[in-house]
Amino acid sequence: MHDWITAPGGRQDAEDRIAFDTPTPARQALDGTVATPLVHLGVLDVTGPDAERFLQGQTSAQVGLADGDLAPLTVFCTPKGRMLANAQLLRVAEGHYRLLMQRGLVQPLAEHLGKFAAFYKTALKVRDDLALIGLIGRDAPALAEVRLDLVPPAVWHQAGDTDTQLLAHPGPRPRLLICVTAEVASVLWPRLAEQASPVGNAVWCLHDIQAGLAWLTPAHRDALLPQMINWEALGGISFKKGCYTGQEVVARAHFRGQVKRRLVRAQLEGSELPPLGSPVETAEGKAVGEVLAAELDAYDQAEILAVLSTKEDLGPLTVAGQRLKQLKLPYPIERLDPESLAAKG
């Protein structure tokens, strides 16, 4: 762990979890402004004169849309259309692209892509030297503008330069992600903490859940189609581009309506956090889905994202003995073309 996290009192509760002693962190994110080290996320850089062409054949994004303004969502699949990783794609400079994803998938994806990168003038690099910081709350945009001298971008867009990238993510409160070197973070973090309460990254993960945004983890690698996490409804799939690995299966599932499971957002009547992969069960004990993410909300109730059967009437459902109450997603389940996001700016 970097010193910029531990020096101000951050402690590592798990490999991808950081916590601080700030009381009621989820509530503070609703009522004020918080800052958090996003240690559960990682970075993979793709560089070289063939970087765009290489990525275009591997990922669901229309890579040319990542122009230093739009920073689209994307996904990498097996030939059978199963996800190996989903990510946000940034263009840092000409011939330099950056992928943000769940940290446990960075190295496996680098190894997978490395089998094909050898045929292109491109290089892959896991960026363990970078720091990712999240800002959440009503004053997050103003704080980022003052401390970084950058105007915060629109959701799924970026601002900054080769040294600093500022991204906007959706959520119930304004949410910004900062990418800098760990050296810069050691100076930036205390300046942010002057006006934002330091909290653990569980709060950021909670806002992902409330945004209906699922980041694939090693627990579900090579198991789900992109549509099963509503990726096309978030603009994460271009159906207007040419071939990429897994495209035929992904397109067929879309155009034939063959998605038998979908991502849902739900609240559990209890405060027990179910492990990833926990089954969603009917009253008869039949598994009809499984948990992809789980966090405690501001009222100490468990909120989850789960992939659930699309059958209309499943009856009462439970997870780990806790009754499940399905909540409304903040977006419609319909195709959102990333090209339209680029047009909106």
Foldseek 3Di string as FASTA:
>chain_A
DFPLQPVVAWDDPDQQKIFHPDPLVQVCLEVFKAKEWRSQKWKKKKFFQCRQVLVLQFKQDNSVLQDQWAFAKIFGAALQQFTLWIWTWHDQDNRMIMTMAGPQSQVVVQVVSVVVCVVDGMDMDTCPQKTKMKMGHACRQVLCCVLVVWRAHDARTWDDHNAKIKHWHDFPTTMIMIMHGSVVSSVSVVSSCVRHPYGMCLSVLVRCLQQLHFTAHPVCRRPDHCVLSLCQQRQHGAPPGDHHRNNVNNVCCVVVVVDFKHKFKKWWPAQDWADFFFFKAAPVGDGFKTWRDWGQHSVNTIITIIIGGPPDDRHWIHTPPTTIDTDDHPTDSDGDHVVVVSVVD
